[in-house]
């Protein structure tokens, strides 16, 4: 049985739906407030390598902080280390919710994708 780490922002309605979905499906998870204890550089680097997805998919591209920093134009010129350090600097830059466990790394909440989780 996999225990997942659920990184979320409690005020986010999508995060609230995802949390309820985990509870409804009896998925074992530990909660972590993504702003109060944002992911570290090392965690993000590891999760990125496990995910097999582009690093940009870890950014909250619709977030105010992303827009305020004008990252849509700046991100392409940053190397992977710079992008990881930027993500680790502020939990509001990270796409949420983020669910991590075993070899699973999911960002954002899509019930049809989450349906494949071990419980």
Protein backbone atom coordinates (compact mmCIF):
# COMPACT_ATOMS: atom_id res chain seq x y z
CA UNK A 1 0.00 0.00 0.00
CA UNK A 2 1.45 3.34 -1.06
CA UNK A 3 1.23 6.35 1.20
CA UNK A 4 1.17 9.55 -0.83
CA UNK A 5 2.39 13.02 -0.05
CA UNK A 6 -0.35 15.50 -0.94
CA UNK A 7 0.97 19.03 -1.37
CA UNK A 8 -1.82 21.56 -1.55
CA UNK A 9 -2.98 25.08 -0.85
CA UNK A 10 -6.03 24.72 1.43
CA UNK A 11 -7.86 27.75 -0.02
CA UNK A 12 -7.62 26.36 -3.56
CA UNK A 13 -10.95 24.85 -4.67
CA UNK A 14 -9.21 22.34 -6.96
CA UNK A 15 -7.04 21.21 -4.04
CA UNK A 16 -10.16 20.84 -1.89
CA UNK A 17 -11.78 18.65 -4.57
CA UNK A 18 -8.63 16.55 -4.87
CA UNK A 19 -8.41 16.08 -1.10
CA UNK A 20 -12.03 14.97 -0.96
CA UNK A 21 -11.43 12.61 -3.88
CA UNK A 22 -8.51 11.01 -2.00
CA UNK A 23 -10.69 10.58 1.09
CA UNK A 24 -13.61 9.17 -0.92
CA UNK A 25 -11.30 6.64 -2.58
CA UNK A 26 -9.59 5.65 0.68
CA UNK A 27 -6.16 6.69 -0.55
CA UNK A 28 -3.60 6.91 2.27
CA UNK A 29 -1.94 10.33 2.23
CA UNK A 30 -0.06 12.86 4.30
CA UNK A 31 -0.91 16.52 3.79
CA UNK A 32 1.57 19.33 3.35
CA UNK A 33 0.72 23.00 2.90
CA UNK A 34 2.60 23.95 -0.27
CA UNK A 35 3.21 27.54 0.86
CA UNK A 36 4.10 26.96 4.51
CA UNK A 37 6.50 24.17 3.57
CA UNK A 38 7.20 24.52 -0.11
CA UNK A 39 9.01 21.73 -1.96
CA UNK A 40 12.79 21.86 -1.78
CA UNK A 41 15.12 21.98 -4.76
CA UNK A 42 16.12 18.35 -4.10
CA UNK A 43 12.52 17.16 -3.86
CA UNK A 44 11.52 18.96 -7.04
CA UNK A 45 14.54 17.61 -8.92
CA UNK A 46 13.71 14.06 -7.85
CA UNK A 47 10.00 14.40 -8.60
CA UNK A 48 10.72 15.92 -12.00
CA UNK A 49 12.99 13.00 -12.92
CA UNK A 50 10.33 10.49 -11.77
CA UNK A 51 7.54 12.21 -13.66
CA UNK A 52 9.08 12.07 -17.12
CA UNK A 53 7.29 15.34 -17.89
CA UNK A 54 8.68 18.72 -18.92
CA UNK A 55 9.69 20.89 -15.97
CA UNK A 56 7.28 23.58 -17.16
CA UNK A 57 4.39 21.26 -16.18
CA UNK A 58 5.38 21.84 -12.52
CA UNK A 59 4.75 25.58 -12.80
CA UNK A 60 1.41 27.11 -11.83
CA UNK A 61 1.14 29.01 -15.10
CA UNK A 62 -2.28 30.43 -14.21
CA UNK A 63 -1.12 31.74 -10.83
CA UNK A 64 -0.74 35.41 -9.93
CA UNK A 65 2.89 34.97 -8.89
CA UNK A 66 3.78 33.38 -12.26
CA UNK A 67 2.17 36.29 -14.08
CA UNK A 68 3.62 38.91 -11.72
CA UNK A 69 7.15 37.61 -12.39
CA UNK A 70 6.39 37.47 -16.15
CA UNK A 71 7.65 33.90 -16.26
CA UNK A 72 5.96 33.04 -19.54
CA UNK A 73 8.62 35.13 -21.28
CA UNK A 74 11.50 34.44 -18.85
CA UNK A 75 11.15 30.68 -18.31
CA UNK A 76 12.44 29.59 -21.74
CA UNK A 77 15.77 31.33 -21.12
CA UNK A 78 16.32 29.64 -17.73
CA UNK A 79 18.18 26.36 -17.50
CA UNK A 80 16.80 23.41 -15.52
CA UNK A 81 18.67 24.26 -12.32
CA UNK A 82 17.46 27.87 -12.42
CA UNK A 83 13.88 26.72 -12.99
CA UNK A 84 14.10 24.24 -10.09
CA UNK A 85 15.54 26.90 -7.78
CA UNK A 86 12.76 29.28 -8.79
CA UNK A 87 10.10 26.64 -8.06
CA UNK A 88 11.71 25.88 -4.69
CA UNK A 89 11.69 29.57 -3.77
CA UNK A 90 7.90 29.91 -3.55
CA UNK A 91 5.19 27.27 -3.21
CA UNK A 92 2.74 29.49 -5.07
CA UNK A 93 4.77 28.93 -8.24
CA UNK A 94 4.21 25.17 -8.07
CA UNK A 95 1.22 23.64 -9.87
CA UNK A 96 -1.10 22.19 -7.30
CA UNK A 97 -2.19 19.92 -5.99
CA UNK A 98 0.92 17.81 -6.23
CA UNK A 99 0.64 14.13 -5.33
CA UNK A 100 3.77 12.06 -4.85
CA UNK A 101 4.17 8.43 -3.84
CA UNK A 102 6.29 5.51 -5.00
CA UNK A 103 7.03 6.25 -8.65
CA UNK A 104 3.92 8.42 -9.05
CA UNK A 105 4.10 12.19 -9.45
CA UNK A 106 0.90 13.98 -10.40
CA UNK A 107 0.45 17.74 -10.68
CA UNK A 108 -2.98 19.26 -11.00
CA UNK A 109 -6.16 17.30 -10.36
CA UNK A 110 -7.65 15.16 -13.11
CA UNK A 111 -9.88 12.44 -11.60
CA UNK A 112 -9.55 10.16 -14.63
CA UNK A 113 -5.74 10.14 -14.22
CA UNK A 114 -5.86 9.87 -10.43
CA UNK A 115 -8.20 6.85 -10.79
CA UNK A 116 -5.16 4.64 -11.41
CA UNK A 117 -3.71 5.22 -7.93
CA UNK A 118 -3.06 2.33 -5.56
CA UNK A 119 -5.14 2.43 -2.42
